N, C-alpha and C. Protein backbone atom coordinates (compact mmCIF):
# COMPACT_ATOMS: atom_id res chain seq x y z
N MET A 1 -19.32 13.03 4.36
CA MET A 1 -18.14 13.56 5.04
C MET A 1 -17.17 14.13 3.99
N SER A 2 -16.67 15.33 4.22
CA SER A 2 -15.73 15.95 3.29
C SER A 2 -14.38 15.23 3.36
N PHE A 3 -13.55 15.46 2.35
CA PHE A 3 -12.22 14.82 2.36
C PHE A 3 -11.41 15.31 3.57
N LEU A 4 -11.57 16.58 3.91
CA LEU A 4 -10.86 17.11 5.09
C LEU A 4 -11.30 16.37 6.35
N ASP A 5 -12.60 16.14 6.48
CA ASP A 5 -13.10 15.39 7.64
C ASP A 5 -12.56 13.96 7.65
N LEU A 6 -12.46 13.35 6.46
CA LEU A 6 -11.91 11.99 6.36
C LEU A 6 -10.45 11.98 6.81
N ALA A 7 -9.70 13.01 6.41
CA ALA A 7 -8.29 13.10 6.79
C ALA A 7 -8.14 13.22 8.31
N LYS A 8 -9.09 13.91 8.94
CA LYS A 8 -9.05 14.04 10.39
C LYS A 8 -9.47 12.74 11.07
N TRP A 9 -10.39 12.00 10.44
CA TRP A 9 -10.90 10.74 11.01
C TRP A 9 -9.89 9.62 10.88
N ARG A 10 -9.17 9.60 9.76
CA ARG A 10 -8.24 8.50 9.48
C ARG A 10 -7.01 8.54 10.38
N TYR A 11 -6.54 7.38 10.77
CA TYR A 11 -5.31 7.27 11.55
C TYR A 11 -4.74 5.88 11.33
N THR A 12 -3.54 5.65 11.83
CA THR A 12 -2.93 4.33 11.72
C THR A 12 -3.42 3.48 12.88
N ALA A 13 -4.27 2.54 12.58
CA ALA A 13 -4.87 1.71 13.63
C ALA A 13 -3.81 0.83 14.30
N LYS A 14 -3.88 0.76 15.60
CA LYS A 14 -2.98 -0.10 16.37
C LYS A 14 -3.68 -1.35 16.88
N GLN A 15 -5.01 -1.28 16.97
CA GLN A 15 -5.81 -2.43 17.41
C GLN A 15 -7.05 -2.54 16.54
N TYR A 16 -7.35 -3.78 16.14
CA TYR A 16 -8.53 -4.03 15.31
C TYR A 16 -9.55 -4.87 16.07
N ASN A 17 -10.78 -4.80 15.62
CA ASN A 17 -11.82 -5.68 16.12
C ASN A 17 -11.78 -6.96 15.29
N PRO A 18 -11.27 -8.07 15.84
CA PRO A 18 -11.11 -9.30 15.05
C PRO A 18 -12.42 -9.95 14.65
N ASN A 19 -13.51 -9.52 15.25
CA ASN A 19 -14.81 -10.12 14.95
C ASN A 19 -15.58 -9.40 13.84
N GLU A 20 -15.03 -8.28 13.37
CA GLU A 20 -15.72 -7.51 12.34
C GLU A 20 -14.93 -7.58 11.04
N LYS A 21 -15.51 -8.19 10.03
CA LYS A 21 -14.83 -8.39 8.75
C LYS A 21 -15.36 -7.43 7.69
N ILE A 22 -14.50 -7.08 6.77
CA ILE A 22 -14.89 -6.24 5.63
C ILE A 22 -15.69 -7.10 4.66
N SER A 23 -16.78 -6.57 4.17
CA SER A 23 -17.65 -7.33 3.26
C SER A 23 -16.94 -7.61 1.93
N ASP A 24 -17.33 -8.70 1.29
CA ASP A 24 -16.77 -9.05 -0.02
C ASP A 24 -17.00 -7.92 -1.02
N GLU A 25 -18.15 -7.28 -0.92
CA GLU A 25 -18.47 -6.18 -1.85
C GLU A 25 -17.47 -5.04 -1.72
N LYS A 26 -17.14 -4.67 -0.48
CA LYS A 26 -16.19 -3.58 -0.27
C LYS A 26 -14.79 -3.99 -0.70
N ILE A 27 -14.42 -5.25 -0.48
CA ILE A 27 -13.10 -5.72 -0.92
C ILE A 27 -13.00 -5.64 -2.45
N GLU A 28 -14.04 -6.03 -3.15
CA GLU A 28 -14.03 -5.95 -4.61
C GLU A 28 -13.92 -4.49 -5.07
N GLN A 29 -14.58 -3.59 -4.35
CA GLN A 29 -14.45 -2.16 -4.69
C GLN A 29 -13.01 -1.68 -4.49
N LEU A 30 -12.39 -2.10 -3.38
CA LEU A 30 -11.01 -1.70 -3.11
C LEU A 30 -10.06 -2.24 -4.18
N LYS A 31 -10.31 -3.45 -4.64
CA LYS A 31 -9.47 -4.03 -5.70
C LYS A 31 -9.55 -3.19 -6.97
N GLU A 32 -10.75 -2.78 -7.32
CA GLU A 32 -10.92 -1.98 -8.54
C GLU A 32 -10.32 -0.59 -8.36
N ILE A 33 -10.46 -0.02 -7.16
CA ILE A 33 -9.89 1.30 -6.89
C ILE A 33 -8.37 1.25 -7.00
N ILE A 34 -7.75 0.25 -6.38
CA ILE A 34 -6.29 0.20 -6.41
C ILE A 34 -5.77 -0.09 -7.81
N ARG A 35 -6.56 -0.80 -8.60
CA ARG A 35 -6.19 -1.03 -10.00
C ARG A 35 -6.10 0.29 -10.76
N LEU A 36 -6.89 1.27 -10.33
CA LEU A 36 -6.94 2.57 -11.00
C LEU A 36 -5.93 3.56 -10.43
N SER A 37 -5.03 3.11 -9.56
CA SER A 37 -4.04 4.00 -8.96
C SER A 37 -3.18 4.68 -10.02
N PRO A 38 -2.76 5.92 -9.76
CA PRO A 38 -1.88 6.62 -10.70
C PRO A 38 -0.44 6.14 -10.60
N SER A 39 0.28 6.23 -11.70
CA SER A 39 1.72 5.96 -11.71
C SER A 39 2.33 6.74 -12.87
N SER A 40 3.59 7.10 -12.73
CA SER A 40 4.27 7.87 -13.77
C SER A 40 4.26 7.10 -15.08
N ILE A 41 3.97 7.77 -16.16
CA ILE A 41 3.79 7.23 -17.52
C ILE A 41 2.84 6.03 -17.56
N ASN A 42 2.01 5.92 -16.53
CA ASN A 42 1.06 4.79 -16.42
C ASN A 42 1.80 3.46 -16.40
N SER A 43 2.94 3.43 -15.71
CA SER A 43 3.83 2.26 -15.76
C SER A 43 3.30 1.04 -15.02
N GLN A 44 2.57 1.25 -13.93
CA GLN A 44 1.92 0.17 -13.17
C GLN A 44 2.84 -1.04 -12.88
N PRO A 45 3.98 -0.82 -12.22
CA PRO A 45 4.93 -1.92 -12.01
C PRO A 45 4.63 -2.72 -10.74
N TRP A 46 3.39 -3.13 -10.56
CA TRP A 46 2.95 -3.64 -9.27
C TRP A 46 2.06 -4.87 -9.37
N LYS A 47 1.93 -5.53 -8.22
CA LYS A 47 0.88 -6.51 -7.97
C LYS A 47 0.44 -6.32 -6.53
N PHE A 48 -0.86 -6.52 -6.27
CA PHE A 48 -1.42 -6.35 -4.94
C PHE A 48 -2.07 -7.67 -4.53
N LEU A 49 -1.64 -8.20 -3.41
CA LEU A 49 -2.19 -9.47 -2.92
C LEU A 49 -3.10 -9.19 -1.73
N PHE A 50 -4.36 -9.56 -1.85
CA PHE A 50 -5.33 -9.42 -0.76
C PHE A 50 -5.38 -10.74 -0.01
N VAL A 51 -4.89 -10.73 1.21
CA VAL A 51 -4.78 -11.96 2.00
C VAL A 51 -5.88 -11.98 3.05
N TYR A 52 -6.75 -12.97 2.97
CA TYR A 52 -7.81 -13.14 3.97
C TYR A 52 -7.76 -14.51 4.62
N ASP A 53 -7.04 -15.46 4.01
CA ASP A 53 -6.89 -16.79 4.59
C ASP A 53 -6.14 -16.67 5.92
N GLU A 54 -6.75 -17.13 6.99
CA GLU A 54 -6.18 -16.92 8.33
C GLU A 54 -4.84 -17.63 8.51
N LYS A 55 -4.66 -18.78 7.88
CA LYS A 55 -3.38 -19.49 8.01
C LYS A 55 -2.25 -18.72 7.35
N VAL A 56 -2.52 -18.22 6.16
CA VAL A 56 -1.49 -17.43 5.45
C VAL A 56 -1.24 -16.13 6.20
N LYS A 57 -2.31 -15.51 6.65
CA LYS A 57 -2.19 -14.25 7.39
C LYS A 57 -1.34 -14.45 8.65
N SER A 58 -1.53 -15.58 9.31
CA SER A 58 -0.77 -15.88 10.52
C SER A 58 0.71 -16.07 10.22
N LYS A 59 1.02 -16.71 9.10
CA LYS A 59 2.42 -16.89 8.70
C LYS A 59 3.08 -15.54 8.40
N LEU A 60 2.34 -14.68 7.72
CA LEU A 60 2.87 -13.36 7.42
C LEU A 60 3.01 -12.52 8.69
N ALA A 61 2.07 -12.67 9.61
CA ALA A 61 2.15 -11.95 10.88
C ALA A 61 3.42 -12.32 11.63
N ALA A 62 3.78 -13.61 11.58
CA ALA A 62 4.99 -14.08 12.27
C ALA A 62 6.26 -13.50 11.66
N ALA A 63 6.14 -12.96 10.44
CA ALA A 63 7.29 -12.34 9.77
C ALA A 63 7.13 -10.82 9.74
N SER A 64 6.48 -10.28 10.77
CA SER A 64 6.15 -8.85 10.77
C SER A 64 6.52 -8.13 12.05
N TYR A 65 7.50 -8.66 12.78
CA TYR A 65 7.99 -8.00 13.98
C TYR A 65 6.85 -7.58 14.92
N TRP A 66 6.86 -6.29 15.31
CA TRP A 66 5.86 -5.77 16.28
C TRP A 66 4.48 -5.56 15.65
N ASN A 67 4.37 -5.78 14.35
CA ASN A 67 3.09 -5.61 13.68
C ASN A 67 2.23 -6.87 13.68
N ALA A 68 2.74 -7.95 14.26
CA ALA A 68 2.05 -9.24 14.18
C ALA A 68 0.61 -9.19 14.67
N HIS A 69 0.38 -8.58 15.84
CA HIS A 69 -0.98 -8.60 16.40
C HIS A 69 -1.96 -7.82 15.54
N LYS A 70 -1.49 -6.76 14.90
CA LYS A 70 -2.38 -5.99 14.03
C LYS A 70 -2.86 -6.85 12.86
N ILE A 71 -1.93 -7.59 12.28
CA ILE A 71 -2.27 -8.44 11.14
C ILE A 71 -3.22 -9.56 11.56
N ASN A 72 -2.94 -10.16 12.69
CA ASN A 72 -3.81 -11.25 13.17
C ASN A 72 -5.21 -10.77 13.49
N GLU A 73 -5.34 -9.54 13.98
CA GLU A 73 -6.66 -9.00 14.34
C GLU A 73 -7.41 -8.46 13.13
N ALA A 74 -6.67 -7.96 12.14
CA ALA A 74 -7.28 -7.27 11.01
C ALA A 74 -8.12 -8.22 10.15
N SER A 75 -9.03 -7.63 9.42
CA SER A 75 -9.88 -8.41 8.51
C SER A 75 -9.07 -8.98 7.35
N HIS A 76 -8.24 -8.13 6.73
CA HIS A 76 -7.43 -8.53 5.57
C HIS A 76 -6.05 -7.90 5.69
N LEU A 77 -5.11 -8.48 4.96
CA LEU A 77 -3.79 -7.89 4.78
C LEU A 77 -3.58 -7.72 3.29
N VAL A 78 -3.17 -6.53 2.89
CA VAL A 78 -2.89 -6.27 1.48
C VAL A 78 -1.38 -6.09 1.34
N VAL A 79 -0.77 -6.92 0.50
CA VAL A 79 0.68 -6.88 0.30
C VAL A 79 0.97 -6.19 -1.03
N PHE A 80 1.78 -5.16 -0.99
CA PHE A 80 2.13 -4.37 -2.17
C PHE A 80 3.47 -4.88 -2.71
N ASN A 81 3.45 -5.33 -3.95
CA ASN A 81 4.64 -5.92 -4.57
C ASN A 81 5.08 -5.11 -5.78
N VAL A 82 6.38 -5.10 -6.02
CA VAL A 82 6.94 -4.37 -7.15
C VAL A 82 7.62 -5.35 -8.10
N ILE A 83 7.57 -5.03 -9.38
CA ILE A 83 8.23 -5.86 -10.38
C ILE A 83 9.71 -5.96 -10.05
N ASP A 84 10.29 -7.13 -10.24
CA ASP A 84 11.59 -7.44 -9.64
C ASP A 84 12.81 -7.14 -10.51
N SER A 85 12.63 -6.92 -11.80
CA SER A 85 13.80 -6.67 -12.65
C SER A 85 13.49 -5.59 -13.67
N VAL A 86 14.52 -4.85 -14.04
CA VAL A 86 14.37 -3.80 -15.04
C VAL A 86 13.95 -4.40 -16.37
N GLU A 87 14.53 -5.55 -16.70
CA GLU A 87 14.21 -6.19 -17.97
C GLU A 87 12.73 -6.56 -18.06
N LYS A 88 12.20 -7.11 -16.98
CA LYS A 88 10.78 -7.48 -16.94
C LYS A 88 9.90 -6.24 -17.02
N PHE A 89 10.33 -5.17 -16.35
CA PHE A 89 9.59 -3.92 -16.40
C PHE A 89 9.56 -3.37 -17.82
N GLU A 90 10.70 -3.39 -18.50
CA GLU A 90 10.76 -2.87 -19.87
C GLU A 90 9.89 -3.70 -20.81
N GLU A 91 9.87 -4.99 -20.59
CA GLU A 91 9.02 -5.87 -21.40
C GLU A 91 7.54 -5.50 -21.20
N GLN A 92 7.17 -5.23 -19.94
CA GLN A 92 5.77 -4.88 -19.65
C GLN A 92 5.37 -3.57 -20.31
N ILE A 93 6.21 -2.54 -20.19
CA ILE A 93 5.81 -1.24 -20.75
C ILE A 93 5.79 -1.29 -22.28
N HIS A 94 6.66 -2.08 -22.89
CA HIS A 94 6.63 -2.19 -24.35
C HIS A 94 5.35 -2.88 -24.83
N GLN A 95 4.81 -3.73 -24.00
CA GLN A 95 3.58 -4.44 -24.36
C GLN A 95 2.33 -3.59 -24.12
N ASN A 96 2.41 -2.62 -23.21
CA ASN A 96 1.19 -1.95 -22.75
C ASN A 96 1.13 -0.44 -22.91
N LEU A 97 2.26 0.21 -23.13
CA LEU A 97 2.25 1.68 -23.15
C LEU A 97 2.40 2.23 -24.55
N PRO A 98 1.88 3.44 -24.77
CA PRO A 98 2.03 4.10 -26.08
C PRO A 98 3.48 4.56 -26.30
N GLU A 99 3.77 4.89 -27.54
CA GLU A 99 5.14 5.24 -27.93
C GLU A 99 5.69 6.41 -27.13
N GLY A 100 4.85 7.41 -26.85
CA GLY A 100 5.34 8.58 -26.12
C GLY A 100 5.83 8.23 -24.73
N SER A 101 5.12 7.35 -24.03
CA SER A 101 5.53 6.94 -22.69
C SER A 101 6.82 6.14 -22.73
N ILE A 102 6.93 5.27 -23.73
CA ILE A 102 8.15 4.47 -23.87
C ILE A 102 9.34 5.37 -24.20
N ASN A 103 9.12 6.37 -25.02
CA ASN A 103 10.20 7.30 -25.36
C ASN A 103 10.66 8.07 -24.12
N TYR A 104 9.70 8.45 -23.26
CA TYR A 104 10.08 9.13 -22.02
C TYR A 104 11.00 8.23 -21.20
N TYR A 105 10.60 6.98 -21.06
CA TYR A 105 11.42 6.04 -20.29
C TYR A 105 12.80 5.89 -20.92
N ASN A 106 12.84 5.70 -22.22
CA ASN A 106 14.12 5.47 -22.92
C ASN A 106 15.04 6.67 -22.82
N ASN A 107 14.47 7.89 -22.85
CA ASN A 107 15.30 9.10 -22.85
C ASN A 107 15.74 9.54 -21.46
N PHE A 108 14.85 9.38 -20.47
CA PHE A 108 15.14 9.96 -19.16
C PHE A 108 15.46 8.95 -18.06
N LEU A 109 15.04 7.70 -18.21
CA LEU A 109 15.24 6.72 -17.15
C LEU A 109 16.21 5.61 -17.53
N LYS A 110 16.07 5.09 -18.71
CA LYS A 110 16.91 3.97 -19.12
C LYS A 110 18.42 4.27 -19.03
N PRO A 111 18.87 5.52 -19.30
CA PRO A 111 20.31 5.80 -19.18
C PRO A 111 20.84 5.78 -17.74
N LEU A 112 19.95 5.79 -16.75
CA LEU A 112 20.38 5.83 -15.35
C LEU A 112 20.93 4.48 -14.90
N PRO A 113 21.72 4.47 -13.81
CA PRO A 113 22.16 3.19 -13.24
C PRO A 113 20.96 2.34 -12.83
N GLU A 114 21.13 1.04 -12.85
CA GLU A 114 20.02 0.12 -12.54
C GLU A 114 19.40 0.40 -11.18
N THR A 115 20.23 0.72 -10.19
CA THR A 115 19.69 0.98 -8.85
C THR A 115 18.74 2.18 -8.85
N GLU A 116 19.06 3.21 -9.64
CA GLU A 116 18.19 4.38 -9.70
C GLU A 116 16.89 4.08 -10.44
N ILE A 117 16.98 3.27 -11.48
CA ILE A 117 15.76 2.87 -12.19
C ILE A 117 14.85 2.09 -11.25
N LYS A 118 15.43 1.20 -10.46
CA LYS A 118 14.63 0.40 -9.53
C LYS A 118 14.00 1.27 -8.45
N PHE A 119 14.73 2.29 -7.99
CA PHE A 119 14.15 3.22 -7.02
C PHE A 119 12.94 3.92 -7.63
N TRP A 120 13.07 4.35 -8.88
CA TRP A 120 11.97 5.03 -9.56
C TRP A 120 10.76 4.10 -9.69
N ILE A 121 11.03 2.86 -10.04
CA ILE A 121 9.95 1.87 -10.18
C ILE A 121 9.24 1.67 -8.84
N GLN A 122 10.02 1.55 -7.77
CA GLN A 122 9.43 1.36 -6.44
C GLN A 122 8.59 2.56 -6.02
N HIS A 123 9.02 3.77 -6.40
CA HIS A 123 8.26 4.97 -6.04
C HIS A 123 6.85 4.93 -6.61
N GLN A 124 6.67 4.27 -7.75
CA GLN A 124 5.33 4.19 -8.34
C GLN A 124 4.38 3.40 -7.44
N VAL A 125 4.91 2.36 -6.80
CA VAL A 125 4.07 1.56 -5.90
C VAL A 125 3.68 2.39 -4.68
N TYR A 126 4.59 3.23 -4.22
CA TYR A 126 4.26 4.09 -3.08
C TYR A 126 3.16 5.10 -3.43
N LEU A 127 3.10 5.52 -4.71
CA LEU A 127 2.00 6.39 -5.11
C LEU A 127 0.66 5.71 -4.88
N SER A 128 0.61 4.42 -5.14
CA SER A 128 -0.66 3.70 -4.97
C SER A 128 -1.06 3.58 -3.51
N LEU A 129 -0.09 3.67 -2.60
CA LEU A 129 -0.39 3.55 -1.17
C LEU A 129 -1.29 4.68 -0.70
N GLY A 130 -0.93 5.92 -1.04
CA GLY A 130 -1.75 7.06 -0.62
C GLY A 130 -3.16 6.97 -1.19
N PHE A 131 -3.26 6.54 -2.44
CA PHE A 131 -4.54 6.36 -3.10
C PHE A 131 -5.38 5.34 -2.34
N PHE A 132 -4.73 4.23 -1.95
CA PHE A 132 -5.42 3.13 -1.27
C PHE A 132 -5.87 3.54 0.13
N LEU A 133 -5.01 4.21 0.88
CA LEU A 133 -5.37 4.63 2.24
C LEU A 133 -6.55 5.60 2.21
N SER A 134 -6.56 6.49 1.23
CA SER A 134 -7.66 7.43 1.10
C SER A 134 -8.96 6.72 0.76
N ALA A 135 -8.86 5.72 -0.12
CA ALA A 135 -10.05 4.94 -0.49
C ALA A 135 -10.62 4.21 0.73
N CYS A 136 -9.74 3.64 1.53
CA CYS A 136 -10.18 2.95 2.74
C CYS A 136 -10.93 3.91 3.65
N ALA A 137 -10.35 5.08 3.87
CA ALA A 137 -11.00 6.06 4.75
C ALA A 137 -12.37 6.45 4.21
N ASN A 138 -12.46 6.63 2.91
CA ASN A 138 -13.73 7.01 2.29
C ASN A 138 -14.81 5.95 2.50
N MET A 139 -14.38 4.69 2.65
CA MET A 139 -15.31 3.58 2.83
C MET A 139 -15.50 3.21 4.30
N GLY A 140 -14.92 4.02 5.20
CA GLY A 140 -15.07 3.75 6.63
C GLY A 140 -14.24 2.58 7.11
N ILE A 141 -13.17 2.27 6.38
CA ILE A 141 -12.30 1.15 6.71
C ILE A 141 -11.00 1.68 7.31
N ASP A 142 -10.57 1.10 8.41
CA ASP A 142 -9.32 1.51 9.04
C ASP A 142 -8.15 0.78 8.40
N SER A 143 -6.96 1.37 8.55
CA SER A 143 -5.79 0.81 7.87
C SER A 143 -4.51 1.05 8.67
N THR A 144 -3.53 0.19 8.41
CA THR A 144 -2.22 0.31 9.05
C THR A 144 -1.14 -0.01 8.01
N PRO A 145 -0.52 1.02 7.41
CA PRO A 145 0.59 0.75 6.49
C PRO A 145 1.82 0.31 7.26
N MET A 146 2.52 -0.70 6.73
CA MET A 146 3.64 -1.30 7.48
C MET A 146 4.84 -1.57 6.58
N GLU A 147 5.96 -0.97 6.93
CA GLU A 147 7.24 -1.38 6.34
C GLU A 147 7.99 -2.29 7.31
N GLY A 148 7.50 -2.39 8.53
CA GLY A 148 8.14 -3.25 9.52
C GLY A 148 7.79 -4.71 9.33
N ILE A 149 8.27 -5.26 8.23
CA ILE A 149 8.03 -6.67 7.90
C ILE A 149 9.32 -7.27 7.37
N GLU A 150 9.39 -8.59 7.37
CA GLU A 150 10.55 -9.29 6.81
C GLU A 150 10.23 -9.62 5.35
N ASN A 151 10.68 -8.74 4.46
CA ASN A 151 10.28 -8.80 3.06
C ASN A 151 10.60 -10.12 2.39
N GLU A 152 11.79 -10.64 2.63
CA GLU A 152 12.17 -11.88 1.95
C GLU A 152 11.32 -13.06 2.44
N LYS A 153 10.95 -13.06 3.70
CA LYS A 153 10.07 -14.12 4.20
C LYS A 153 8.69 -14.01 3.58
N TYR A 154 8.22 -12.78 3.41
CA TYR A 154 6.94 -12.57 2.71
C TYR A 154 7.01 -13.16 1.31
N ASP A 155 8.10 -12.87 0.61
CA ASP A 155 8.26 -13.38 -0.77
C ASP A 155 8.18 -14.90 -0.80
N THR A 156 8.80 -15.54 0.18
CA THR A 156 8.80 -17.00 0.24
C THR A 156 7.41 -17.54 0.57
N ILE A 157 6.78 -16.97 1.57
CA ILE A 157 5.44 -17.43 1.98
C ILE A 157 4.44 -17.28 0.84
N LEU A 158 4.52 -16.16 0.11
CA LEU A 158 3.56 -15.86 -0.95
C LEU A 158 3.99 -16.44 -2.30
N GLN A 159 5.17 -17.04 -2.33
CA GLN A 159 5.69 -17.67 -3.55
C GLN A 159 5.66 -16.70 -4.72
N LEU A 160 6.22 -15.53 -4.49
CA LEU A 160 6.23 -14.50 -5.53
C LEU A 160 7.21 -14.87 -6.64
N ASP A 161 6.79 -14.62 -7.86
CA ASP A 161 7.63 -14.91 -9.02
C ASP A 161 7.69 -13.67 -9.91
N GLY A 162 8.86 -13.08 -9.99
CA GLY A 162 9.00 -11.88 -10.81
C GLY A 162 8.66 -10.60 -10.09
N TYR A 163 8.22 -10.72 -8.84
CA TYR A 163 7.88 -9.56 -8.01
C TYR A 163 8.48 -9.74 -6.63
N LYS A 164 8.61 -8.65 -5.89
CA LYS A 164 9.07 -8.74 -4.50
C LYS A 164 8.24 -7.81 -3.64
N THR A 165 8.15 -8.15 -2.37
CA THR A 165 7.35 -7.38 -1.42
C THR A 165 8.03 -6.06 -1.08
N LEU A 166 7.24 -4.98 -1.08
CA LEU A 166 7.74 -3.68 -0.63
C LEU A 166 7.22 -3.34 0.76
N PHE A 167 5.91 -3.48 0.96
CA PHE A 167 5.29 -3.17 2.24
C PHE A 167 3.91 -3.81 2.26
N ALA A 168 3.22 -3.69 3.39
CA ALA A 168 1.89 -4.27 3.53
C ALA A 168 0.98 -3.31 4.26
N VAL A 169 -0.33 -3.53 4.10
CA VAL A 169 -1.32 -2.70 4.78
C VAL A 169 -2.38 -3.61 5.40
N ALA A 170 -2.50 -3.54 6.72
CA ALA A 170 -3.59 -4.25 7.39
C ALA A 170 -4.84 -3.39 7.27
N ILE A 171 -5.97 -4.02 7.00
CA ILE A 171 -7.23 -3.28 6.91
C ILE A 171 -8.32 -4.00 7.70
N GLY A 172 -9.24 -3.24 8.22
CA GLY A 172 -10.33 -3.78 9.02
C GLY A 172 -11.07 -2.66 9.72
N TYR A 173 -11.57 -2.96 10.91
CA TYR A 173 -12.31 -1.95 11.68
C TYR A 173 -11.69 -1.82 13.07
N ARG A 174 -11.49 -0.60 13.47
CA ARG A 174 -10.78 -0.31 14.72
C ARG A 174 -11.46 -0.92 15.93
N ASN A 175 -10.63 -1.32 16.87
CA ASN A 175 -11.12 -1.71 18.18
C ASN A 175 -11.51 -0.43 18.93
N PRO A 176 -12.71 -0.37 19.48
CA PRO A 176 -13.12 0.86 20.19
C PRO A 176 -12.15 1.26 21.29
N GLU A 177 -11.35 0.31 21.78
CA GLU A 177 -10.41 0.61 22.86
C GLU A 177 -9.04 1.02 22.34
N ASP A 178 -8.87 1.13 21.03
CA ASP A 178 -7.57 1.53 20.46
C ASP A 178 -7.23 2.94 20.94
N SER A 179 -6.15 3.05 21.68
CA SER A 179 -5.79 4.35 22.27
C SER A 179 -5.13 5.29 21.26
N ASN A 180 -4.88 4.81 20.05
CA ASN A 180 -4.23 5.65 19.04
C ASN A 180 -5.23 6.44 18.19
N GLN A 181 -6.51 6.16 18.34
CA GLN A 181 -7.50 6.83 17.48
C GLN A 181 -7.63 8.31 17.86
N PRO A 182 -7.91 9.16 16.87
CA PRO A 182 -7.92 10.62 17.10
C PRO A 182 -8.84 11.10 18.21
N SER A 183 -9.92 10.36 18.47
CA SER A 183 -10.84 10.79 19.52
C SER A 183 -10.22 10.61 20.91
N VAL A 184 -9.18 9.80 20.99
CA VAL A 184 -8.48 9.56 22.26
C VAL A 184 -7.13 10.28 22.29
N LYS A 185 -6.40 10.13 21.19
CA LYS A 185 -5.06 10.71 21.08
C LYS A 185 -5.04 11.64 19.87
N PRO A 186 -5.11 12.95 20.10
CA PRO A 186 -5.15 13.88 18.97
C PRO A 186 -3.96 13.70 18.02
N LYS A 187 -4.22 13.91 16.73
CA LYS A 187 -3.16 13.77 15.73
C LYS A 187 -2.05 14.77 16.00
N SER A 188 -0.83 14.33 15.80
CA SER A 188 0.33 15.20 15.96
C SER A 188 0.91 15.51 14.59
N ARG A 189 0.78 16.74 14.14
CA ARG A 189 1.29 17.17 12.84
C ARG A 189 2.01 18.50 13.00
N LEU A 190 2.99 18.75 12.13
CA LEU A 190 3.69 20.03 12.15
C LEU A 190 2.71 21.14 11.79
N PRO A 191 2.96 22.36 12.31
CA PRO A 191 2.06 23.48 12.00
C PRO A 191 2.05 23.77 10.50
N LEU A 192 0.87 24.14 10.00
CA LEU A 192 0.71 24.41 8.58
C LEU A 192 1.73 25.44 8.08
N GLU A 193 1.92 26.53 8.85
CA GLU A 193 2.82 27.59 8.41
C GLU A 193 4.29 27.15 8.35
N GLN A 194 4.60 26.04 9.01
CA GLN A 194 5.98 25.53 8.99
C GLN A 194 6.26 24.69 7.75
N ILE A 195 5.22 24.09 7.19
CA ILE A 195 5.47 23.15 6.08
C ILE A 195 4.85 23.57 4.75
N ILE A 196 4.03 24.61 4.74
CA ILE A 196 3.38 25.04 3.50
C ILE A 196 3.63 26.53 3.30
N LYS A 197 4.09 26.89 2.10
CA LYS A 197 4.33 28.29 1.75
C LYS A 197 3.57 28.61 0.46
N SER A 198 3.08 29.80 0.39
CA SER A 198 2.43 30.28 -0.83
C SER A 198 3.35 31.28 -1.50
N ILE A 199 3.55 31.12 -2.79
CA ILE A 199 4.46 32.01 -3.52
C ILE A 199 3.69 32.75 -4.62
């Protein structure tokens, strides 16, 4: 299947088949793929938690508003976390990045207010989301990205230290009766000529 066909096939699943689980082999592949996600200056200010324990998943579902049933039905929940302090981030890049990348940070980002630096750091985690969703589609795995969660409750349940929850993605296999899938409900997107220009 071409990437264009995958883009047409992929959608945000609203219902999962709770009896169909993603194989351990595919989960290990997804872990390695997300580890290879791109980020500006290769900063990698993230941690990804793959949750398959049903008790933990249920606790997180209860802290996920209208997304609870999706999490409970899904095979796994992947929680995307961002490094929690600028100081910790700077310590990490000094330990892992080459001088040129550190100089970029020092010259263009470090002078900014802390809130802007944190926004930039969070944007790197969002870059990994698109990479991850595409990988899932390529492997025939359905996904549901979710910001509709109670982030602080997630942090408490997962006992995060030095990181905080940004968003989560339920993954699994669609319920054949899911009315949101493209074969039932065509994708709604703005016309190409309205959003893309050639210069």
